[in-house]
PDB file of N, CA and C in Angstrom:
ATOM      1  N   MET A   1      64.598 147.806 103.143  1.00  0.00           N
ATOM      2  CA  MET A   1      63.386 147.009 103.091  1.00  0.00           C
ATOM      3  C   MET A   1      62.952 146.663 104.511  1.00  0.00           C
ATOM      4  N   ALA A   2      61.659 146.634 104.746  1.00  0.00           N
ATOM      5  CA  ALA A   2      61.128 146.292 106.055  1.00  0.00           C
ATOM      6  C   ALA A   2      61.407 144.818 106.348  1.00  0.00           C
ATOM      7  N   LYS A   3      61.468 144.497 107.631  1.00  0.00           N
ATOM      8  CA  LYS A   3      61.725 143.115 108.051  1.00  0.00           C
ATOM      9  C   LYS A   3      60.576 142.235 107.582  1.00  0.00           C
ATOM     10  N   THR A   4      60.920 141.118 106.947  1.00  0.00           N
ATOM     11  CA  THR A   4      59.904 140.186 106.464  1.00  0.00           C
ATOM     12  C   THR A   4      59.841 138.985 107.392  1.00  0.00           C
ATOM     13  N   PRO A   5      58.663 138.365 107.501  1.00  0.00           N
ATOM     14  CA  PRO A   5      58.548 137.191 108.372  1.00  0.00           C
ATOM     15  C   PRO A   5      59.457 136.060 107.895  1.00  0.00           C
ATOM     16  N   ALA A   6      59.994 135.304 108.849  1.00  0.00           N
ATOM     17  CA  ALA A   6      60.876 134.180 108.510  1.00  0.00           C
ATOM     18  C   ALA A   6      60.139 133.193 107.616  1.00  0.00           C
ATOM     19  N   GLY A   7      60.838 132.717 106.616  1.00  0.00           N
ATOM     20  CA  GLY A   7      60.260 131.725 105.719  1.00  0.00           C
ATOM     21  C   GLY A   7      59.510 132.303 104.542  1.00  0.00           C
ATOM     22  N   GLU A   8      59.297 133.621 104.526  1.00  0.00           N
ATOM     23  CA  GLU A   8      58.579 134.223 103.401  1.00  0.00           C
ATOM     24  C   GLU A   8      59.474 134.221 102.169  1.00  0.00           C
ATOM     25  N   LYS A   9      58.884 133.969 101.025  1.00  0.00           N
ATOM     26  CA  LYS A   9      59.628 133.865  99.770  1.00  0.00           C
ATOM     27  C   LYS A   9      59.261 135.003  98.835  1.00  0.00           C
ATOM     28  N   ALA A  10      60.160 135.258  97.900  1.00  0.00           N
ATOM     29  CA  ALA A  10      59.896 136.221  96.835  1.00  0.00           C
ATOM     30  C   ALA A  10      60.125 135.506  95.516  1.00  0.00           C
ATOM     31  N   LEU A  11      59.400 135.924  94.520  1.00  0.00           N
ATOM     32  CA  LEU A  11      59.460 135.299  93.205  1.00  0.00           C
ATOM     33  C   LEU A  11      59.879 136.350  92.191  1.00  0.00           C
ATOM     34  N   ILE A  12      61.008 136.111  91.522  1.00  0.00           N
ATOM     35  CA  ILE A  12      61.469 137.011  90.462  1.00  0.00           C
ATOM     36  C   ILE A  12      60.910 136.471  89.155  1.00  0.00           C
ATOM     37  N   VAL A  13      60.097 137.289  88.486  1.00  0.00           N
ATOM     38  CA  VAL A  13      59.406 136.879  87.265  1.00  0.00           C
ATOM     39  C   VAL A  13      60.026 137.610  86.077  1.00  0.00           C
ATOM     40  N   PHE A  14      60.263 136.871  85.001  1.00  0.00           N
ATOM     41  CA  PHE A  14      60.922 137.405  83.817  1.00  0.00           C
ATOM     42  C   PHE A  14      59.998 137.347  82.603  1.00  0.00           C
ATOM     43  N   ASP A  15      60.266 138.233  81.631  1.00  0.00           N
ATOM     44  CA  ASP A  15      59.530 138.207  80.361  1.00  0.00           C
ATOM     45  C   ASP A  15      60.116 137.190  79.387  1.00  0.00           C
ATOM     46  N   TYR A  16      61.421 136.951  79.483  1.00  0.00           N
ATOM     47  CA  TYR A  16      62.115 136.108  78.505  1.00  0.00           C
ATOM     48  C   TYR A  16      62.979 135.074  79.201  1.00  0.00           C
ATOM     49  N   ILE A  17      63.000 133.871  78.644  1.00  0.00           N
ATOM     50  CA  ILE A  17      63.766 132.774  79.228  1.00  0.00           C
ATOM     51  C   ILE A  17      65.259 133.108  79.299  1.00  0.00           C
ATOM     52  N   GLY A  18      65.787 133.818  78.311  1.00  0.00           N
ATOM     53  CA  GLY A  18      67.198 134.192  78.326  1.00  0.00           C
ATOM     54  C   GLY A  18      67.547 135.048  79.527  1.00  0.00           C
ATOM     55  N   HIS A  19      66.658 135.976  79.879  1.00  0.00           N
ATOM     56  CA  HIS A  19      66.881 136.820  81.056  1.00  0.00           C
ATOM     57  C   HIS A  19      66.831 135.978  82.326  1.00  0.00           C
ATOM     58  N   ALA A  20      65.900 135.035  82.370  1.00  0.00           N
ATOM     59  CA  ALA A  20      65.772 134.174  83.546  1.00  0.00           C
ATOM     60  C   ALA A  20      67.033 133.330  83.741  1.00  0.00           C
ATOM     61  N   MET A  21      67.555 132.756  82.665  1.00  0.00           N
ATOM     62  CA  MET A  21      68.744 131.918  82.768  1.00  0.00           C
ATOM     63  C   MET A  21      69.974 132.739  83.161  1.00  0.00           C
ATOM     64  N   ARG A  22      70.122 133.939  82.577  1.00  0.00           N
ATOM     65  CA  ARG A  22      71.239 134.814  82.959  1.00  0.00           C
ATOM     66  C   ARG A  22      71.105 135.246  84.419  1.00  0.00           C
ATOM     67  N   GLY A  23      69.874 135.570  84.822  1.00  0.00           N
ATOM     68  CA  GLY A  23      69.634 135.965  86.207  1.00  0.00           C
ATOM     69  C   GLY A  23      69.982 134.853  87.174  1.00  0.00           C
ATOM     70  N   LYS A  24      69.598 133.638  86.853  1.00  0.00           N
ATOM     71  CA  LYS A  24      69.922 132.481  87.689  1.00  0.00           C
ATOM     72  C   LYS A  24      71.438 132.346  87.832  1.00  0.00           C
ATOM     73  N   HIS A  25      72.149 132.476  86.738  1.00  0.00           N
ATOM     74  CA  HIS A  25      73.608 132.342  86.765  1.00  0.00           C
ATOM     75  C   HIS A  25      74.241 133.428  87.655  1.00  0.00           C
ATOM     76  N   VAL A  26      73.837 134.667  87.463  1.00  0.00           N
ATOM     77  CA  VAL A  26      74.409 135.778  88.243  1.00  0.00           C
ATOM     78  C   VAL A  26      74.107 135.613  89.734  1.00  0.00           C
ATOM     79  N   LEU A  27      72.884 135.258  90.066  1.00  0.00           N
ATOM     80  CA  LEU A  27      72.517 135.111  91.474  1.00  0.00           C
ATOM     81  C   LEU A  27      73.220 133.914  92.112  1.00  0.00           C
ATOM     82  N   GLU A  28      73.372 132.824  91.357  1.00  0.00           N
ATOM     83  CA  GLU A  28      74.107 131.663  91.873  1.00  0.00           C
ATOM     84  C   GLU A  28      75.568 132.014  92.140  1.00  0.00           C
ATOM     85  N   GLN A  29      76.181 132.740  91.198  1.00  0.00           N
ATOM     86  CA  GLN A  29      77.582 133.130  91.360  1.00  0.00           C
ATOM     87  C   GLN A  29      77.770 134.007  92.596  1.00  0.00           C
ATOM     88  N   ALA A  30      76.744 134.757  92.961  1.00  0.00           N
ATOM     89  CA  ALA A  30      76.806 135.627  94.143  1.00  0.00           C
ATOM     90  C   ALA A  30      76.460 134.874  95.422  1.00  0.00           C
ATOM     91  N   GLY A  31      76.123 133.584  95.299  1.00  0.00           N
ATOM     92  CA  GLY A  31      75.853 132.768  96.479  1.00  0.00           C
ATOM     93  C   GLY A  31      74.421 132.780  96.976  1.00  0.00           C
ATOM     94  N   LEU A  32      73.485 133.346  96.221  1.00  0.00           N
ATOM     95  CA  LEU A  32      72.093 133.332  96.643  1.00  0.00           C
ATOM     96  C   LEU A  32      71.503 131.948  96.427  1.00  0.00           C
ATOM     97  N   LYS A  33      70.745 131.491  97.392  1.00  0.00           N
ATOM     98  CA  LYS A  33      70.041 130.217  97.260  1.00  0.00           C
ATOM     99  C   LYS A  33      68.711 130.498  96.585  1.00  0.00           C
ATOM    100  N   MET A  34      68.373 129.646  95.616  1.00  0.00           N
ATOM    101  CA  MET A  34      67.119 129.848  94.898  1.00  0.00           C
ATOM    102  C   MET A  34      66.585 128.529  94.426  1.00  0.00           C
ATOM    103  N   ARG A  35      65.372 128.592  93.932  1.00  0.00           N
ATOM    104  CA  ARG A  35      64.705 127.445  93.344  1.00  0.00           C
ATOM    105  C   ARG A  35      64.073 127.902  92.043  1.00  0.00           C
ATOM    106  N   GLU A  36      64.189 127.093  90.998  1.00  0.00           N
ATOM    107  CA  GLU A  36      63.524 127.400  89.727  1.00  0.00           C
ATOM    108  C   GLU A  36      62.097 126.884  89.830  1.00  0.00           C
ATOM    109  N   VAL A  37      61.141 127.759  89.578  1.00  0.00           N
ATOM    110  CA  VAL A  37      59.732 127.383  89.701  1.00  0.00           C
ATOM    111  C   VAL A  37      58.947 127.932  88.511  1.00  0.00           C
ATOM    112  N   ALA A  38      57.766 127.386  88.339  1.00  0.00           N
ATOM    113  CA  ALA A  38      56.842 127.920  87.341  1.00  0.00           C
ATOM    114  C   ALA A  38      56.088 129.073  87.997  1.00  0.00           C
ATOM    115  N   PRO A  39      56.039 130.239  87.345  1.00  0.00           N
ATOM    116  CA  PRO A  39      55.308 131.363  87.945  1.00  0.00           C
ATOM    117  C   PRO A  39      53.805 131.104  87.932  1.00  0.00           C
ATOM    118  N   PRO A  40      53.065 131.800  88.794  1.00  0.00           N
ATOM    119  CA  PRO A  40      51.605 131.680  88.753  1.00  0.00           C
ATOM    120  C   PRO A  40      51.100 132.019  87.344  1.00  0.00           C
ATOM    121  N   PRO A  41      50.029 131.378  86.886  1.00  0.00           N
ATOM    122  CA  PRO A  41      49.537 131.579  85.513  1.00  0.00           C
ATOM    123  C   PRO A  41      49.340 133.038  85.117  1.00  0.00           C
ATOM    124  N   GLU A  42      48.902 133.882  86.035  1.00  0.00           N
ATOM    125  CA  GLU A  42      48.650 135.282  85.690  1.00  0.00           C
ATOM    126  C   GLU A  42      49.933 136.067  85.430  1.00  0.00           C
ATOM    127  N   TYR A  43      51.090 135.473  85.760  1.00  0.00           N
ATOM    128  CA  TYR A  43      52.371 136.130  85.516  1.00  0.00           C
ATOM    129  C   TYR A  43      53.187 135.457  84.426  1.00  0.00           C
ATOM    130  N   ARG A  44      52.597 134.549  83.683  1.00  0.00           N
ATOM    131  CA  ARG A  44      53.314 133.898  82.580  1.00  0.00           C
ATOM    132  C   ARG A  44      53.143 134.744  81.336  1.00  0.00           C
ATOM    133  N   THR A  45      54.248 135.259  80.858  1.00  0.00           N
ATOM    134  CA  THR A  45      54.190 136.179  79.716  1.00  0.00           C
ATOM    135  C   THR A  45      55.046 135.683  78.562  1.00  0.00           C
ATOM    136  N   GLY A  46      55.231 134.389  78.467  1.00  0.00           N
ATOM    137  CA  GLY A  46      56.117 133.845  77.452  1.00  0.00           C
ATOM    138  C   GLY A  46      57.300 133.165  78.085  1.00  0.00           C
ATOM    139  N   CYS A  47      57.518 133.393  79.368  1.00  0.00           N
ATOM    140  CA  CYS A  47      58.612 132.751  80.093  1.00  0.00           C
ATOM    141  C   CYS A  47      58.011 131.890  81.195  1.00  0.00           C
ATOM    142  N   ASP A  48      58.278 130.595  81.138  1.00  0.00           N
ATOM    143  CA  ASP A  48      57.722 129.662  82.118  1.00  0.00           C
ATOM    144  C   ASP A  48      58.680 129.381  83.269  1.00  0.00           C
ATOM    145  N   LEU A  49      59.639 130.268  83.476  1.00  0.00           N
ATOM    146  CA  LEU A  49      60.623 130.062  84.531  1.00  0.00           C
ATOM    147  C   LEU A  49      60.693 131.311  85.409  1.00  0.00           C
ATOM    148  N   ALA A  50      60.587 131.112  86.715  1.00  0.00           N
ATOM    149  CA  ALA A  50      60.762 132.190  87.686  1.00  0.00           C
ATOM    150  C   ALA A  50      61.756 131.695  88.733  1.00  0.00           C
ATOM    151  N   LEU A  51      62.334 132.606  89.478  1.00  0.00           N
ATOM    152  CA  LEU A  51      63.294 132.249  90.515  1.00  0.00           C
ATOM    153  C   LEU A  51      62.720 132.590  91.881  1.00  0.00           C
ATOM    154  N   GLU A  52      62.648 131.601  92.747  1.00  0.00           N
ATOM    155  CA  GLU A  52      62.153 131.790  94.104  1.00  0.00           C
ATOM    156  C   GLU A  52      63.350 131.978  95.032  1.00  0.00           C
ATOM    157  N   ILE A  53      63.350 133.079  95.780  1.00  0.00           N
ATOM    158  CA  ILE A  53      64.431 133.378  96.726  1.00  0.00           C
ATOM    159  C   ILE A  53      63.812 133.726  98.081  1.00  0.00           C
ATOM    160  N   ASP A  54      64.651 133.768  99.107  1.00  0.00           N
ATOM    161  CA  ASP A  54      64.180 134.237 100.411  1.00  0.00           C
ATOM    162  C   ASP A  54      63.842 135.720 100.295  1.00  0.00           C
ATOM    163  N   ALA A  55      62.739 136.129 100.891  1.00  0.00           N
ATOM    164  CA  ALA A  55      62.299 137.525 100.802  1.00  0.00           C
ATOM    165  C   ALA A  55      63.348 138.489 101.351  1.00  0.00           C
ATOM    166  N   GLU A  56      64.148 138.026 102.323  1.00  0.00           N
ATOM    167  CA  GLU A  56      65.183 138.884 102.899  1.00  0.00           C
ATOM    168  C   GLU A  56      66.269 139.240 101.882  1.00  0.00           C
ATOM    169  N   GLU A  57      66.370 138.484 100.797  1.00  0.00           N
ATOM    170  CA  GLU A  57      67.419 138.673  99.788  1.00  0.00           C
ATOM    171  C   GLU A  57      66.977 139.524  98.594  1.00  0.00           C
ATOM    172  N   VAL A  58      65.764 140.058  98.633  1.00  0.00           N
ATOM    173  CA  VAL A  58      65.225 140.785  97.478  1.00  0.00           C
ATOM    174  C   VAL A  58      66.086 141.984  97.086  1.00  0.00           C
ATOM    175  N   ASP A  59      66.450 142.812  98.040  1.00  0.00           N
ATOM    176  CA  ASP A  59      67.252 144.000  97.715  1.00  0.00           C
ATOM    177  C   ASP A  59      68.577 143.613  97.066  1.00  0.00           C
ATOM    178  N   ARG A  60      69.223 142.621  97.631  1.00  0.00           N
ATOM    179  CA  ARG A  60      70.504 142.159  97.079  1.00  0.00           C
ATOM    180  C   ARG A  60      70.325 141.593  95.666  1.00  0.00           C
ATOM    181  N   ALA A  61      69.301 140.763  95.476  1.00  0.00           N
ATOM    182  CA  ALA A  61      69.050 140.161  94.164  1.00  0.00           C
ATOM    183  C   ALA A  61      68.737 141.233  93.122  1.00  0.00           C
ATOM    184  N   GLU A  62      67.891 142.180  93.480  1.00  0.00           N
ATOM    185  CA  GLU A  62      67.529 143.256  92.552  1.00  0.00           C
ATOM    186  C   GLU A  62      68.764 144.072  92.171  1.00  0.00           C
ATOM    187  N   ASP A  63      69.607 144.366  93.134  1.00  0.00           N
ATOM    188  CA  ASP A  63      70.835 145.114  92.866  1.00  0.00           C
ATOM    189  C   ASP A  63      71.748 144.338  91.907  1.00  0.00           C
ATOM    190  N   LEU A  64      71.918 143.040  92.139  1.00  0.00           N
ATOM    191  CA  LEU A  64      72.758 142.212  91.264  1.00  0.00           C
ATOM    192  C   LEU A  64      72.204 142.158  89.841  1.00  0.00           C
ATOM    193  N   LEU A  65      70.900 141.998  89.715  1.00  0.00           N
ATOM    194  CA  LEU A  65      70.285 141.947  88.384  1.00  0.00           C
ATOM    195  C   LEU A  65      70.456 143.280  87.658  1.00  0.00           C
ATOM    196  N   ASP A  66      70.230 144.383  88.377  1.00  0.00           N
ATOM    197  CA  ASP A  66      70.392 145.713  87.780  1.00  0.00           C
ATOM    198  C   ASP A  66      71.830 145.961  87.334  1.00  0.00           C
ATOM    199  N   LYS A  67      72.792 145.628  88.184  1.00  0.00           N
ATOM    200  CA  LYS A  67      74.210 145.848  87.857  1.00  0.00           C
ATOM    201  C   LYS A  67      74.659 145.027  86.650  1.00  0.00           C
ATOM    202  N   ASN A  68      73.984 143.910  86.401  1.00  0.00           N
ATOM    203  CA  ASN A  68      74.346 143.035  85.285  1.00  0.00           C
ATOM    204  C   ASN A  68      73.408 143.207  84.088  1.00  0.00           C
ATOM    205  N   ASP A  69      72.617 144.286  84.106  1.00  0.00           N
ATOM    206  CA  ASP A  69      71.695 144.603  83.003  1.00  0.00           C
ATOM    207  C   ASP A  69      70.765 143.445  82.646  1.00  0.00           C
ATOM    208  N   ILE A  70      70.256 142.776  83.659  1.00  0.00           N
ATOM    209  CA  ILE A  70      69.311 141.682  83.448  1.00  0.00           C
ATOM    210  C   ILE A  70      67.914 142.201  83.771  1.00  0.00           C
ATOM    211  N   LEU A  71      67.067 142.218  82.768  1.00  0.00           N
ATOM    212  CA  LEU A  71      65.707 142.733  82.928  1.00  0.00           C
ATOM    213  C   LEU A  71      64.799 141.672  83.541  1.00  0.00           C
ATOM    214  N   PHE A  72      63.936 142.097  84.437  1.00  0.00           N
ATOM    215  CA  PHE A  72      62.922 141.209  85.000  1.00  0.00           C
ATOM    216  C   PHE A  72      61.594 141.939  84.999  1.00  0.00           C
ATOM    217  N   MET A  73      60.518 141.175  84.970  1.00  0.00           N
ATOM    218  CA  MET A  73      59.191 141.768  84.885  1.00  0.00           C
ATOM    219  C   MET A  73      58.717 142.300  86.236  1.00  0.00           C
ATOM    220  N   ASP A  74      58.916 141.505  87.294  1.00  0.00           N
ATOM    221  CA  ASP A  74      58.392 141.893  88.604  1.00  0.00           C
ATOM    222  C   ASP A  74      59.020 141.020  89.688  1.00  0.00           C
ATOM    223  N   ILE A  75      58.897 141.467  90.922  1.00  0.00           N
ATOM    224  CA  ILE A  75      59.256 140.649  92.080  1.00  0.00           C
ATOM    225  C   ILE A  75      58.008 140.567  92.947  1.00  0.00           C
ATOM    226  N   LEU A  76      57.568 139.347  93.183  1.00  0.00           N
ATOM    227  CA  LEU A  76      56.343 139.109  93.947  1.00  0.00           C
ATOM    228  C   LEU A  76      56.703 138.541  95.308  1.00  0.00           C
ATOM    229  N   PHE A  77      56.063 139.030  96.344  1.00  0.00           N
ATOM    230  CA  PHE A  77      56.258 138.460  97.675  1.00  0.00           C
ATOM    231  C   PHE A  77      55.183 137.417  97.886  1.00  0.00           C
ATOM    232  N   MET A  78      55.613 136.205  98.223  1.00  0.00           N
ATOM    233  CA  MET A  78      54.703 135.074  98.336  1.00  0.00           C
ATOM    234  C   MET A  78      54.557 134.681  99.803  1.00  0.00           C
ATOM    235  N   PRO A  79      53.330 134.396 100.240  1.00  0.00           N
ATOM    236  CA  PRO A  79      53.167 133.900 101.610  1.00  0.00           C
ATOM    237  C   PRO A  79      53.903 132.570 101.762  1.00  0.00           C
ATOM    238  N   LYS A  80      54.412 132.291 102.958  1.00  0.00           N
ATOM    239  CA  LYS A  80      55.232 131.087 103.128  1.00  0.00           C
ATOM    240  C   LYS A  80      54.459 129.800 102.863  1.00  0.00           C
ATOM    241  N   GLU A  81      53.141 129.837 102.935  1.00  0.00           N
ATOM    242  CA  GLU A  81      52.366 128.617 102.658  1.00  0.00           C
ATOM    243  C   GLU A  81      52.096 128.415 101.160  1.00  0.00           C
ATOM    244  N   ALA A  82      52.490 129.373 100.323  1.00  0.00           N
ATOM    245  CA  ALA A  82      52.272 129.257  98.873  1.00  0.00           C
ATOM    246  C   ALA A  82      53.080 128.086  98.317  1.00  0.00           C
ATOM    247  N   LYS A  83      52.441 127.281  97.502  1.00  0.00           N
ATOM    248  CA  LYS A  83      53.096 126.126  96.887  1.00  0.00           C
ATOM    249  C   LYS A  83      53.287 126.402  95.400  1.00  0.00           C
ATOM    250  N   LEU A  84      54.534 126.437  94.963  1.00  0.00           N
ATOM    251  CA  LEU A  84      54.851 126.643  93.558  1.00  0.00           C
ATOM    252  C   LEU A  84      55.474 125.375  93.009  1.00  0.00           C
ATOM    253  N   THR A  85      55.228 125.120  91.750  1.00  0.00           N
ATOM    254  CA  THR A  85      55.718 123.907  91.118  1.00  0.00           C
ATOM    255  C   THR A  85      57.167 124.066  90.695  1.00  0.00           C
ATOM    256  N   PRO A  86      58.067 123.196  91.177  1.00  0.00           N
ATOM    257  CA  PRO A  86      59.461 123.270  90.710  1.00  0.00           C
ATOM    258  C   PRO A  86      59.527 122.951  89.221  1.00  0.00           C
ATOM    259  N   VAL A  87      60.478 123.550  88.542  1.00  0.00           N
ATOM    260  CA  VAL A  87      60.667 123.301  87.117  1.00  0.00           C
ATOM    261  C   VAL A  87      61.832 122.336  86.962  1.00  0.00           C
ATOM    262  N   TYR A  88      61.579 121.219  86.332  1.00  0.00           N
ATOM    263  CA  TYR A  88      62.628 120.249  86.040  1.00  0.00           C
ATOM    264  C   TYR A  88      62.809 120.217  84.531  1.00  0.00           C
ATOM    265  N   LEU A  89      64.002 120.598  84.059  1.00  0.00           N
ATOM    266  CA  LEU A  89      64.224 120.681  82.615  1.00  0.00           C
ATOM    267  C   LEU A  89      63.935 119.364  81.920  1.00  0.00           C
ATOM    268  N   SER A  90      64.196 118.237  82.576  1.00  0.00           N
ATOM    269  CA  SER A  90      63.933 116.953  81.942  1.00  0.00           C
ATOM    270  C   SER A  90      62.450 116.759  81.648  1.00  0.00           C
ATOM    271  N   LYS A  91      61.593 117.393  82.423  1.00  0.00           N
ATOM    272  CA  LYS A  91      60.154 117.310  82.181  1.00  0.00           C
ATOM    273  C   LYS A  91      59.681 118.434  81.268  1.00  0.00           C
ATOM    274  N   LEU A  92      60.427 119.524  81.234  1.00  0.00           N
ATOM    275  CA  LEU A  92      60.033 120.695  80.461  1.00  0.00           C
ATOM    276  C   LEU A  92      60.356 120.541  78.976  1.00  0.00           C
ATOM    277  N   ILE A  93      61.427 119.819  78.655  1.00  0.00           N
ATOM    278  CA  ILE A  93      61.861 119.673  77.271  1.00  0.00           C
ATOM    279  C   ILE A  93      61.214 118.442  76.658  1.00  0.00           C
ATOM    280  N   LYS A  94      60.538 118.632  75.528  1.00  0.00           N
ATOM    281  CA  LYS A  94      59.850 117.547  74.814  1.00  0.00           C
ATOM    282  C   LYS A  94      60.313 117.538  73.365  1.00  0.00           C
ATOM    283  N   THR A  95      60.445 116.360  72.781  1.00  0.00           N
ATOM    284  CA  THR A  95      60.796 116.252  71.362  1.00  0.00           C
ATOM    285  C   THR A  95      59.702 115.483  70.636  1.00  0.00           C
ATOM    286  N   THR A  96      59.479 115.873  69.374  1.00  0.00           N
ATOM    287  CA  THR A  96      58.501 115.206  68.517  1.00  0.00           C
ATOM    288  C   THR A  96      59.177 114.891  67.189  1.00  0.00           C
ATOM    289  N   ASP A  97      59.047 113.655  66.753  1.00  0.00           N
ATOM    290  CA  ASP A  97      59.644 113.205  65.491  1.00  0.00           C
ATOM    291  C   ASP A  97      58.643 113.387  64.359  1.00  0.00           C
ATOM    292  N   TYR A  98      59.054 114.095  63.306  1.00  0.00           N
ATOM    293  CA  TYR A  98      58.225 114.304  62.122  1.00  0.00           C
ATOM    294  C   TYR A  98      58.911 113.720  60.889  1.00  0.00           C
ATOM    295  N   GLY A  99      59.414 112.513  60.987  1.00  0.00           N
ATOM    296  CA  GLY A  99      60.090 111.900  59.845  1.00  0.00           C
ATOM    297  C   GLY A  99      61.456 112.518  59.631  1.00  0.00           C
ATOM    298  N   GLY A 100      61.588 113.370  58.637  1.00  0.00           N
ATOM    299  CA  GLY A 100      62.864 114.005  58.330  1.00  0.00           C
ATOM    300  C   GLY A 100      63.182 115.195  59.217  1.00  0.00           C
ATOM    301  N   TYR A 101      62.267 115.546  60.141  1.00  0.00           N
ATOM    302  CA  TYR A 101      62.443 116.707  61.005  1.00  0.00           C
ATOM    303  C   TYR A 101      62.189 116.327  62.462  1.00  0.00           C
ATOM    304  N   THR A 102      62.769 117.087  63.373  1.00  0.00           N
ATOM    305  CA  THR A 102      62.518 116.924  64.797  1.00  0.00           C
ATOM    306  C   THR A 102      62.177 118.287  65.372  1.00  0.00           C
ATOM    307  N   MET A 103      61.112 118.317  66.178  1.00  0.00           N
ATOM    308  CA  MET A 103      60.749 119.547  66.871  1.00  0.00           C
ATOM    309  C   MET A 103      61.110 119.382  68.344  1.00  0.00           C
ATOM    310  N   VAL A 104      61.813 120.368  68.893  1.00  0.00           N
ATOM    311  CA  VAL A 104      62.164 120.389  70.310  1.00  0.00           C
ATOM    312  C   VAL A 104      61.378 121.535  70.939  1.00  0.00           C
ATOM    313  N   ARG A 105      60.653 121.208  72.004  1.00  0.00           N
ATOM    314  CA  ARG A 105      59.844 122.220  72.682  1.00  0.00           C
ATOM    315  C   ARG A 105      60.328 122.351  74.119  1.00  0.00           C
ATOM    316  N   CYS A 106      60.520 123.592  74.548  1.00  0.00           N
ATOM    317  CA  CYS A 106      60.887 123.896  75.931  1.00  0.00           C
ATOM    318  C   CYS A 106      60.023 125.077  76.358  1.00  0.00           C
ATOM    319  N   GLY A 107      59.039 124.811  77.196  1.00  0.00           N
ATOM    320  CA  GLY A 107      58.102 125.865  77.575  1.00  0.00           C
ATOM    321  C   GLY A 107      57.326 126.320  76.351  1.00  0.00           C
ATOM    322  N   ASN A 108      57.368 127.613  76.069  1.00  0.00           N
ATOM    323  CA  ASN A 108      56.664 128.164  74.903  1.00  0.00           C
ATOM    324  C   ASN A 108      57.538 128.199  73.653  1.00  0.00           C
ATOM    325  N   LEU A 109      58.806 127.853  73.769  1.00  0.00           N
ATOM    326  CA  LEU A 109      59.727 127.924  72.640  1.00  0.00           C
ATOM    327  C   LEU A 109      59.752 126.596  71.893  1.00  0.00           C
ATOM    328  N   LYS A 110      59.633 126.666  70.558  1.00  0.00           N
ATOM    329  CA  LYS A 110      59.700 125.473  69.716  1.00  0.00           C
ATOM    330  C   LYS A 110      60.729 125.704  68.611  1.00  0.00           C
ATOM    331  N   ILE A 111      61.623 124.735  68.439  1.00  0.00           N
ATOM    332  CA  ILE A 111      62.613 124.780  67.364  1.00  0.00           C
ATOM    333  C   ILE A 111      62.493 123.483  66.580  1.00  0.00           C
ATOM    334  N   THR A 112      62.362 123.594  65.260  1.00  0.00           N
ATOM    335  CA  THR A 112      62.296 122.423  64.397  1.00  0.00           C
ATOM    336  C   THR A 112      63.535 122.420  63.513  1.00  0.00           C
ATOM    337  N   TYR A 113      64.187 121.255  63.428  1.00  0.00           N
ATOM    338  CA  TYR A 113      65.394 121.156  62.612  1.00  0.00           C
ATOM    339  C   TYR A 113      65.325 119.922  61.712  1.00  0.00           C
ATOM    340  N   ARG A 114      66.081 119.993  60.622  1.00  0.00           N
ATOM    341  CA  ARG A 114      66.155 118.898  59.659  1.00  0.00           C
ATOM    342  C   ARG A 114      67.156 117.869  60.179  1.00  0.00           C
ATOM    343  N   LYS A 115      66.720 116.625  60.284  1.00  0.00           N
ATOM    344  CA  LYS A 115      67.598 115.555  60.755  1.00  0.00           C
ATOM    345  C   LYS A 115      68.774 115.372  59.804  1.00  0.00           C
ATOM    346  N   GLY A 116      69.882 114.952  60.343  1.00  0.00           N
ATOM    347  CA  GLY A 116      71.067 114.690  59.540  1.00  0.00           C
ATOM    348  C   GLY A 116      71.888 115.937  59.290  1.00  0.00           C
ATOM    349  N   LEU A 117      71.225 117.027  58.920  1.00  0.00           N
ATOM    350  CA  LEU A 117      71.924 118.280  58.638  1.00  0.00           C
ATOM    351  C   LEU A 117      71.969 119.198  59.858  1.00  0.00           C
ATOM    352  N   GLY A 118      70.951 119.100  60.698  1.00  0.00           N
ATOM    353  CA  GLY A 118      70.881 119.976  61.861  1.00  0.00           C
ATOM    354  C   GLY A 118      70.443 121.393  61.523  1.00  0.00           C
ATOM    355  N   THR A 119      69.973 121.597  60.289  1.00  0.00           N
ATOM    356  CA  THR A 119      69.540 122.926  59.855  1.00  0.00           C
ATOM    357  C   THR A 119      68.217 123.292  60.524  1.00  0.00           C
ATOM    358  N   ILE A 120      68.192 124.436  61.182  1.00  0.00           N
ATOM    359  CA  ILE A 120      66.945 124.907  61.820  1.00  0.00           C
ATOM    360  C   ILE A 120      66.021 125.422  60.719  1.00  0.00           C
ATOM    361  N   VAL A 121      64.808 124.892  60.704  1.00  0.00           N
ATOM    362  CA  VAL A 121      63.853 125.298  59.664  1.00  0.00           C
ATOM    363  C   VAL A 121      62.708 126.136  60.222  1.00  0.00           C
ATOM    364  N   ASN A 122      62.527 126.140  61.562  1.00  0.00           N
ATOM    365  CA  ASN A 122      61.470 126.946  62.138  1.00  0.00           C
ATOM    366  C   ASN A 122      61.749 127.195  63.612  1.00  0.00           C
ATOM    367  N   VAL A 123      61.484 128.427  64.056  1.00  0.00           N
ATOM    368  CA  VAL A 123      61.565 128.789  65.471  1.00  0.00           C
ATOM    369  C   VAL A 123      60.297 129.573  65.784  1.00  0.00           C
ATOM    370  N   SER A 124      59.643 129.231  66.895  1.00  0.00           N
ATOM    371  CA  SER A 124      58.453 129.995  67.285  1.00  0.00           C
ATOM    372  C   SER A 124      58.330 130.044  68.795  1.00  0.00           C
ATOM    373  N   GLY A 125      57.636 131.076  69.274  1.00  0.00           N
ATOM    374  CA  GLY A 125      57.405 131.248  70.710  1.00  0.00           C
ATOM    375  C   GLY A 125      58.645 131.730  71.432  1.00  0.00           C
ATOM    376  N   GLY A 126      58.626 131.571  72.753  1.00  0.00           N
ATOM    377  CA  GLY A 126      59.787 131.918  73.562  1.00  0.00           C
ATOM    378  C   GLY A 126      59.891 133.368  73.969  1.00  0.00           C
ATOM    379  N   GLY A 127      58.926 134.187  73.563  1.00  0.00           N
ATOM    380  CA  GLY A 127      58.936 135.595  73.973  1.00  0.00           C
ATOM    381  C   GLY A 127      59.813 136.371  73.141  1.00  0.00           C
TER     382      GLY A 127
END
């Protein structure tokens, strides 16, 4: 890969939240520094989580993801002045009480379960 300017970032964008979470785990275990961010709206395909890494680490990250069979949609090079919104799970996860049922929403994924029994009665979204 050609030399990238200092401070330039790359964004790994995923189609599915499961791939994003597995990718985060694999890259963390390999010692890569990253930040969980919301991808730009034009790259949201059902997964509201992307991983921001230093642009110099792209080849290494791509190799690790490939070796671990983790699919990703694209890798975008972002100018260093680009501002992306960090993703905080405490803000991303919302619950709604429907009497005998509770709906838990995380990004585009919604799971509704019956209180007391914990039986899942509906799952939607999430890619």
